[in-house]
Amino acid sequence: MIESHPLPQLAIPVGDPAGIGPEVILKALNSPLLDGAAHIRVIGERSLFEAAYKHLQQQAGLDAVETLANPNDLDFLEVGLKLSPIPWGQASAETGAASFRCLSTAITGALEGRFDGIVTGPIAKSAWKAAGHHYPGQTEYLAERSQISEYGMFFFALSPYTGWQLRTLLATTHIPLSAVPGQLSPALLTMKVQLLKKTLQREFGIEQPRVAIAGLNPHSGEQGQLGREEIDWLIPWIREMRSQHPDMTLSDPIPPDTLWVGPGQAWYGPREKTVQPTTYDAYLALYHDQGLIPVKLMAFDRAVNTTIGLPFVRTSPDHGTAFDIAGKGIADPTSMIAAIQLAANLVRQRQQTQANL
């Protein structure tokens, strides 16, 4: 018997109102791809979105009926923002304070159980800093408010060519490259892999996940000739994890320059249709660009950033505020649509997994 559940309850904080957040939200919520996906509540002022709707229609020449959701048809949770007119493309302490307040309101609602998930609009870290909020990004604030120390930055994308699913977890995130070897450790990777396993099982229904582990050095160290991290601790750690998690397959460290050949073939389709690319259920990249260069190369306009380890679902489009095109009507909503779809699907999978316990 299939359990029935109410529609996922999702909150969408606007992000920085001077960026493309208002535009991609209005465009996404007009998409038939989201019909019946979830009940969505936009965190921000109705008047702000009414102003964006009129501006995009009049100044950018958009056919509002065809491209934009009418704010009168949307559900808003207003938080007292006072930004009129919208300062398109001009980040400031005021816009940073506005985006922070919207996100904070969404988190409160999720922690209180009023929202199953949050789909965050893009923010400007510089505007947050100008407003007195010193966080590396939304992820760290979400973790702090949720009172968790174990979390991860996970990226998902669905290939429009083959339907293959790309899933990538970053072991380290927004730190200098020179700091990566010092931050990587067996303890850190154990936490990340355990989070990844739980996510793949609970939210994607993959009971025995297969995970590819990237090497740190060129050629994964070339037996110690190009770096010793693989020999000294990474390979021994992988062997230990295999013994602790027999229901999960972990690769040996795969040289970073060949790790993404299989995913690329699976994403675009192999040249020879009889050849099956070598792929895994998920990929663990050891530092930011090692994971995000291939993700953005393959899926720049449709990748979704999700924070794993939170007590609620959080997704986000994998792009920034794009101040240079804000208010021009040319922002692509594909990633926002994908973020909303993924959030709704993850909530449903969590509900189904919980029902089966």
Protein backbone atom coordinates (compact mmCIF):
# COMPACT_ATOMS: atom_id res chain seq x y z
CA MET A 1 0.00 0.00 0.00
CA ILE A 2 1.39 3.41 -0.98
CA GLU A 3 1.31 5.96 1.81
CA SER A 4 -0.24 9.31 0.90
CA HIS A 5 1.21 12.50 2.32
CA PRO A 6 0.18 16.14 2.14
CA LEU A 7 1.93 18.40 -0.33
CA PRO A 8 5.46 19.38 0.74
CA GLN A 9 5.44 22.76 2.45
CA LEU A 10 8.28 24.86 1.01
CA ALA A 11 9.53 28.34 1.86
CA ILE A 12 11.39 30.49 -0.68
CA PRO A 13 13.24 33.45 0.87
CA VAL A 14 13.84 36.01 -1.85
CA GLY A 15 17.62 36.28 -1.46
CA ASP A 16 19.18 39.65 -2.20
CA PRO A 17 16.31 41.72 -3.64
CA ALA A 18 18.73 43.73 -5.80
CA GLY A 19 19.76 40.59 -7.67
CA ILE A 20 17.93 38.17 -9.94
CA GLY A 21 16.14 36.44 -7.05
CA PRO A 22 12.76 38.14 -7.55
CA GLU A 23 12.89 37.51 -11.31
CA VAL A 24 13.81 33.81 -11.20
CA ILE A 25 11.24 33.19 -8.47
CA LEU A 26 8.45 34.79 -10.51
CA LYS A 27 9.54 32.91 -13.62
CA ALA A 28 9.90 29.57 -11.80
CA LEU A 29 6.52 29.81 -10.11
CA ASN A 30 4.94 30.37 -13.51
CA SER A 31 6.33 27.07 -14.81
CA PRO A 32 3.92 24.19 -15.43
CA LEU A 33 6.74 21.88 -14.32
CA LEU A 34 5.89 22.86 -10.73
CA ASP A 35 2.13 22.32 -10.96
CA GLY A 36 1.10 20.28 -7.93
CA ALA A 37 4.70 19.86 -6.74
CA ALA A 38 4.36 21.63 -3.41
CA HIS A 39 2.66 24.38 -1.46
CA ILE A 40 5.06 27.29 -1.75
CA ARG A 41 5.27 30.35 0.46
CA VAL A 42 7.49 33.20 -0.66
CA ILE A 43 9.31 34.95 2.19
CA GLY A 44 9.33 38.65 1.36
CA GLU A 45 6.98 41.52 0.66
CA ARG A 46 4.18 41.16 -1.85
CA SER A 47 4.77 44.81 -2.78
CA LEU A 48 8.38 44.03 -3.72
CA PHE A 49 7.26 41.30 -6.10
CA GLU A 50 4.50 43.50 -7.50
CA ALA A 51 7.14 46.12 -8.27
CA ALA A 52 9.39 43.48 -9.85
CA TYR A 53 6.45 42.16 -11.90
CA LYS A 54 5.63 45.62 -13.27
CA HIS A 55 9.27 46.49 -13.91
CA LEU A 56 9.99 43.27 -15.79
CA GLN A 57 6.85 43.73 -17.84
CA GLN A 58 7.30 47.40 -18.67
CA GLN A 59 11.05 47.99 -18.63
CA ALA A 60 12.31 44.62 -19.80
CA GLY A 61 9.45 44.01 -22.22
CA LEU A 62 8.49 40.58 -20.92
CA ASP A 63 5.11 39.09 -21.70
CA ALA A 64 4.07 38.78 -18.07
CA VAL A 65 1.27 36.30 -18.73
CA GLU A 66 3.65 33.95 -20.53
CA THR A 67 6.73 34.25 -18.33
CA LEU A 68 5.89 35.55 -14.84
CA ALA A 69 3.68 34.38 -12.02
CA ASN A 70 1.27 37.09 -10.90
CA PRO A 71 2.10 38.09 -7.31
CA ASN A 72 -1.64 38.24 -6.60
CA ASP A 73 -1.74 34.47 -7.10
CA LEU A 74 1.14 33.71 -4.73
CA ASP A 75 1.30 33.08 -0.99
CA PHE A 76 3.60 35.47 0.89
CA LEU A 77 4.99 35.65 4.40
CA GLU A 78 5.92 39.30 4.80
CA VAL A 79 8.73 40.36 7.13
CA GLY A 80 8.61 44.17 6.98
CA LEU A 81 11.04 44.90 4.16
CA LYS A 82 11.11 48.53 3.03
CA LEU A 83 12.85 48.67 -0.33
CA SER A 84 11.20 50.96 -2.84
CA PRO A 85 12.08 51.25 -5.61
CA ILE A 86 14.02 48.01 -6.01
CA PRO A 87 17.74 48.90 -6.27
CA TRP A 88 18.40 46.58 -9.23
CA GLY A 89 22.03 45.49 -9.36
CA GLN A 90 23.09 47.56 -6.33
CA ALA A 91 23.94 45.46 -3.29
CA SER A 92 24.03 47.34 0.00
CA ALA A 93 23.71 46.94 3.75
CA GLU A 94 19.95 47.37 3.28
CA THR A 95 19.63 44.56 0.74
CA GLY A 96 21.91 42.36 2.86
CA ALA A 97 19.73 42.95 5.93
CA ALA A 98 16.64 42.15 3.87
CA SER A 99 17.97 38.85 2.53
CA PHE A 100 19.21 37.84 5.99
CA ARG A 101 15.83 38.58 7.58
CA CYS A 102 13.99 36.55 4.94
CA LEU A 103 16.27 33.56 5.41
CA SER A 104 16.06 33.80 9.20
CA THR A 105 12.25 33.81 9.01
CA ALA A 106 12.28 30.75 6.77
CA ILE A 107 14.61 28.87 9.13
CA THR A 108 12.39 29.68 12.10
CA GLY A 109 9.39 28.30 10.25
CA ALA A 110 11.26 25.13 9.28
CA LEU A 111 12.52 24.52 12.81
CA GLU A 112 8.99 24.99 14.13
CA GLY A 113 7.69 22.44 11.63
CA ARG A 114 5.69 24.87 9.47
CA PHE A 115 7.93 24.22 6.46
CA ASP A 116 9.33 20.89 5.30
CA GLY A 117 12.02 22.58 3.29
CA ILE A 118 13.62 25.85 2.22
CA VAL A 119 14.65 26.83 -1.31
CA THR A 120 17.00 29.74 -0.84
CA GLY A 121 17.33 32.61 -3.30
CA PRO A 122 20.88 33.82 -4.07
CA ILE A 123 22.49 36.25 -1.63
CA ALA A 124 25.50 38.57 -1.73
CA LYS A 125 27.97 37.75 1.05
CA SER A 126 29.38 41.28 0.82
CA ALA A 127 25.91 42.72 1.51
CA TRP A 128 25.50 40.42 4.51
CA LYS A 129 28.84 41.64 5.82
CA ALA A 130 27.84 45.27 5.28
CA ALA A 131 24.70 44.57 7.28
CA GLY A 132 26.75 43.11 10.15
CA HIS A 133 26.15 39.41 9.45
CA HIS A 134 29.53 37.70 9.20
CA TYR A 135 28.96 34.25 7.71
CA PRO A 136 30.80 32.58 4.81
CA GLY A 137 27.40 31.88 3.27
CA GLN A 138 23.86 30.70 3.86
CA THR A 139 24.98 27.13 4.55
CA GLU A 140 26.89 28.07 7.69
CA TYR A 141 24.01 30.16 9.04
CA LEU A 142 21.55 27.34 8.38
CA ALA A 143 23.81 24.95 10.30
CA GLU A 144 24.25 27.37 13.21
CA ARG A 145 20.52 27.97 13.56
CA SER A 146 19.88 24.22 13.36
CA GLN A 147 22.53 23.63 16.05
CA ILE A 148 24.44 21.06 14.01
CA SER A 149 28.16 20.73 13.35
CA GLU A 150 28.01 17.90 10.82
CA TYR A 151 26.74 19.01 7.45
CA GLY A 152 27.82 19.00 3.83
CA MET A 153 27.53 20.90 0.55
CA PHE A 154 25.96 18.50 -1.94
CA PHE A 155 25.18 19.16 -5.60
CA PHE A 156 22.56 17.42 -7.72
CA ALA A 157 21.77 17.71 -11.41
CA LEU A 158 19.61 15.75 -13.84
CA SER A 159 20.98 15.42 -17.38
CA PRO A 160 18.55 16.77 -20.01
CA TYR A 161 20.27 14.52 -22.57
CA THR A 162 20.24 11.10 -20.88
CA GLY A 163 18.32 11.47 -17.62
CA TRP A 164 21.44 10.47 -15.65
CA GLN A 165 21.70 11.91 -12.13
CA LEU A 166 24.92 13.64 -11.05
CA ARG A 167 25.48 13.79 -7.28
CA THR A 168 28.59 15.45 -5.85
CA LEU A 169 29.62 16.11 -2.25
CA LEU A 170 32.43 18.50 -1.32
CA ALA A 171 34.72 17.44 1.53
CA THR A 172 35.98 21.01 2.02
CA THR A 173 34.27 24.14 0.76
CA HIS A 174 35.13 27.83 0.97
CA ILE A 175 38.75 27.76 2.10
CA PRO A 176 42.01 28.66 0.32
CA LEU A 177 43.55 25.87 -1.73
CA SER A 178 46.66 26.05 0.45
CA ALA A 179 44.54 25.13 3.49
CA VAL A 180 42.94 22.04 1.96
CA PRO A 181 45.61 19.42 2.86
CA GLY A 182 45.65 20.60 6.46
CA GLN A 183 41.86 20.47 6.84
CA LEU A 184 41.41 17.07 5.22
CA SER A 185 41.58 14.21 7.71
CA PRO A 186 40.13 10.72 8.27
CA ALA A 187 37.73 12.19 10.83
CA LEU A 188 36.40 14.82 8.42
CA LEU A 189 35.97 12.36 5.57
CA THR A 190 34.30 9.83 7.86
CA MET A 191 31.71 12.43 8.81
CA LYS A 192 31.15 13.40 5.17
CA VAL A 193 30.80 9.81 3.96
CA GLN A 194 28.38 8.92 6.73
CA LEU A 195 26.26 11.95 5.86
CA LEU A 196 26.42 11.03 2.18
CA LYS A 197 25.38 7.43 2.85
CA LYS A 198 22.42 8.55 4.95
CA THR A 199 21.36 11.05 2.28
CA LEU A 200 21.57 8.55 -0.57
CA GLN A 201 19.60 5.96 1.39
CA ARG A 202 16.99 8.22 2.99
CA GLU A 203 16.42 10.83 0.29
CA PHE A 204 17.28 9.01 -2.95
CA GLY A 205 16.25 5.47 -2.03
CA ILE A 206 19.67 3.96 -2.87
CA GLU A 207 20.09 1.17 -0.31
CA GLN A 208 23.66 0.13 -1.25
CA PRO A 209 25.31 3.26 -2.64
CA ARG A 210 28.45 3.27 -4.74
CA VAL A 211 30.70 6.27 -4.09
CA ALA A 212 33.73 7.46 -6.04
CA ILE A 213 36.52 9.05 -3.99
CA ALA A 214 38.72 11.65 -5.69
CA GLY A 215 42.46 11.60 -5.17
CA LEU A 216 44.01 14.77 -3.80
CA ASN A 217 47.17 14.90 -5.89
CA PRO A 218 47.76 14.58 -9.65
CA HIS A 219 47.55 10.88 -10.62
CA SER A 220 46.42 10.26 -7.00
CA GLY A 221 50.02 10.78 -5.90
CA GLU A 222 51.72 8.37 -8.35
CA GLN A 223 52.71 5.97 -5.51
CA GLY A 224 54.04 8.87 -3.46
CA GLN A 225 56.01 10.55 -6.25
CA LEU A 226 53.53 13.45 -6.55
CA GLY A 227 52.34 13.65 -2.96
CA ARG A 228 51.95 11.22 -0.09
CA GLU A 229 48.45 11.93 1.25
CA GLU A 230 46.92 8.99 -0.63
CA ILE A 231 49.51 6.50 0.68
CA ASP A 232 49.85 7.91 4.19
CA TRP A 233 46.18 8.09 5.16
CA LEU A 234 43.59 8.27 2.36
CA ILE A 235 43.88 4.65 1.15
CA PRO A 236 44.07 3.23 4.70
CA TRP A 237 40.99 5.29 5.61
CA ILE A 238 39.06 3.93 2.61
CA ARG A 239 39.91 0.36 3.66
CA GLU A 240 38.66 1.07 7.18
CA MET A 241 35.43 2.57 5.86
CA ARG A 242 34.83 -0.47 3.69
CA SER A 243 35.04 -2.72 6.74
CA GLN A 244 32.68 -0.47 8.73
CA HIS A 245 30.13 -0.03 5.92
CA PRO A 246 29.74 -3.31 4.01
CA ASP A 247 26.51 -2.00 2.49
CA MET A 248 28.41 0.76 0.67
CA THR A 249 31.01 0.54 -2.12
CA LEU A 250 33.91 3.00 -1.98
CA SER A 251 36.42 3.34 -4.80
CA ASP A 252 40.15 3.67 -4.37
CA PRO A 253 41.31 7.28 -4.89
CA ILE A 254 40.58 8.05 -8.54
CA PRO A 255 42.98 10.50 -10.25
CA PRO A 256 41.14 13.84 -10.44
CA ASP A 257 41.85 14.28 -14.15
CA THR A 258 40.05 11.01 -15.05
CA LEU A 259 37.41 10.92 -12.31
CA TRP A 260 34.94 12.93 -14.39
CA VAL A 261 35.30 11.08 -17.70
CA GLY A 262 32.54 8.60 -16.82
CA PRO A 263 30.13 11.28 -15.52
CA GLY A 264 30.74 13.37 -18.65
CA GLN A 265 29.90 10.41 -20.88
CA ALA A 266 26.83 9.57 -18.80
CA TRP A 267 25.67 13.21 -18.87
CA TYR A 268 26.00 13.79 -22.62
CA GLY A 269 25.81 10.19 -23.80
CA PRO A 270 28.82 8.12 -24.95
CA ARG A 271 30.00 8.51 -28.52
CA GLU A 272 29.62 4.76 -29.01
CA LYS A 273 26.16 3.74 -27.87
CA THR A 274 27.32 0.21 -27.06
CA VAL A 275 29.83 1.51 -24.51
CA GLN A 276 28.51 1.92 -20.98
CA PRO A 277 30.34 4.67 -19.06
CA THR A 278 31.76 3.86 -15.64
CA THR A 279 29.69 5.79 -13.10
CA TYR A 280 28.90 5.88 -9.40
CA ASP A 281 25.86 6.91 -7.38
CA ALA A 282 27.80 9.86 -5.93
CA TYR A 283 31.21 11.53 -6.10
CA LEU A 284 33.24 12.83 -3.15
CA ALA A 285 35.45 15.73 -4.24
CA LEU A 286 38.13 16.78 -1.76
CA TYR A 287 38.03 20.51 -2.43
CA HIS A 288 35.76 23.16 -3.92
CA ASP A 289 36.96 23.51 -7.52
CA GLN A 290 37.76 19.81 -7.88
CA GLY A 291 34.02 19.18 -7.58
CA LEU A 292 32.44 22.34 -8.91
CA ILE A 293 34.36 22.86 -12.14
CA PRO A 294 32.92 19.65 -13.63
CA VAL A 295 29.49 20.24 -12.07
CA LYS A 296 29.24 23.71 -13.60
CA LEU A 297 30.75 22.59 -16.89
CA MET A 298 28.05 19.96 -17.30
CA ALA A 299 25.13 21.53 -15.45
CA PHE A 300 25.68 25.25 -15.01
CA ASP A 301 22.06 26.20 -15.64
CA ARG A 302 20.40 23.30 -13.83
CA ALA A 303 22.59 22.15 -10.91
CA VAL A 304 21.08 22.41 -7.44
CA ASN A 305 22.99 23.01 -4.21
CA THR A 306 21.55 21.21 -1.20
CA THR A 307 22.78 21.17 2.39
CA ILE A 308 22.80 17.66 3.82
CA GLY A 309 22.66 17.00 7.55
CA LEU A 310 19.98 19.59 8.36
CA PRO A 311 16.74 18.59 10.13
CA PHE A 312 14.82 19.92 7.10
CA VAL A 313 15.42 19.95 3.35
CA ARG A 314 17.38 22.89 1.94
CA THR A 315 18.10 23.42 -1.73
CA SER A 316 19.32 26.39 -3.72
CA PRO A 317 19.92 27.23 -7.37
CA ASP A 318 23.59 26.89 -8.18
CA HIS A 319 24.12 30.49 -9.25
CA GLY A 320 24.65 33.83 -7.63
CA THR A 321 22.85 37.16 -7.60
CA ALA A 322 24.00 38.12 -11.13
CA PHE A 323 23.78 41.84 -10.35
CA ASP A 324 24.99 42.65 -13.87
CA ILE A 325 21.73 41.39 -15.41
CA ALA A 326 19.34 42.09 -12.52
CA GLY A 327 16.11 43.69 -13.69
CA LYS A 328 16.80 43.08 -17.38
CA GLY A 329 14.39 40.18 -17.78
CA ILE A 330 17.00 37.76 -19.13
CA ALA A 331 17.72 35.64 -16.03
CA ASP A 332 17.30 31.89 -16.59
CA PRO A 333 14.97 30.23 -14.02
CA THR A 334 16.01 26.65 -14.89
CA SER A 335 18.13 26.15 -11.78
CA MET A 336 15.45 27.64 -9.50
CA ILE A 337 12.83 25.33 -11.03
CA ALA A 338 15.17 22.37 -10.51
CA ALA A 339 15.83 23.45 -6.90
CA ILE A 340 12.10 23.55 -6.13
CA GLN A 341 11.51 20.21 -7.84
CA LEU A 342 14.37 18.59 -5.93
CA ALA A 343 13.22 20.02 -2.59
CA ALA A 344 9.71 18.64 -3.14
CA ASN A 345 11.07 15.24 -4.17
CA LEU A 346 13.44 15.04 -1.20
CA VAL A 347 10.63 15.90 1.21
CA ARG A 348 8.47 13.16 -0.30
CA GLN A 349 11.32 10.63 -0.11
CA ARG A 350 11.95 11.54 3.54
CA GLN A 351 8.26 11.08 4.29
CA GLN A 352 8.21 7.70 2.53
CA THR A 353 11.37 6.52 4.29
CA GLN A 354 9.96 7.59 7.66
CA ALA A 355 6.69 5.79 6.94
CA ASN A 356 8.61 2.58 6.18
CA LEU A 357 10.58 2.60 9.44
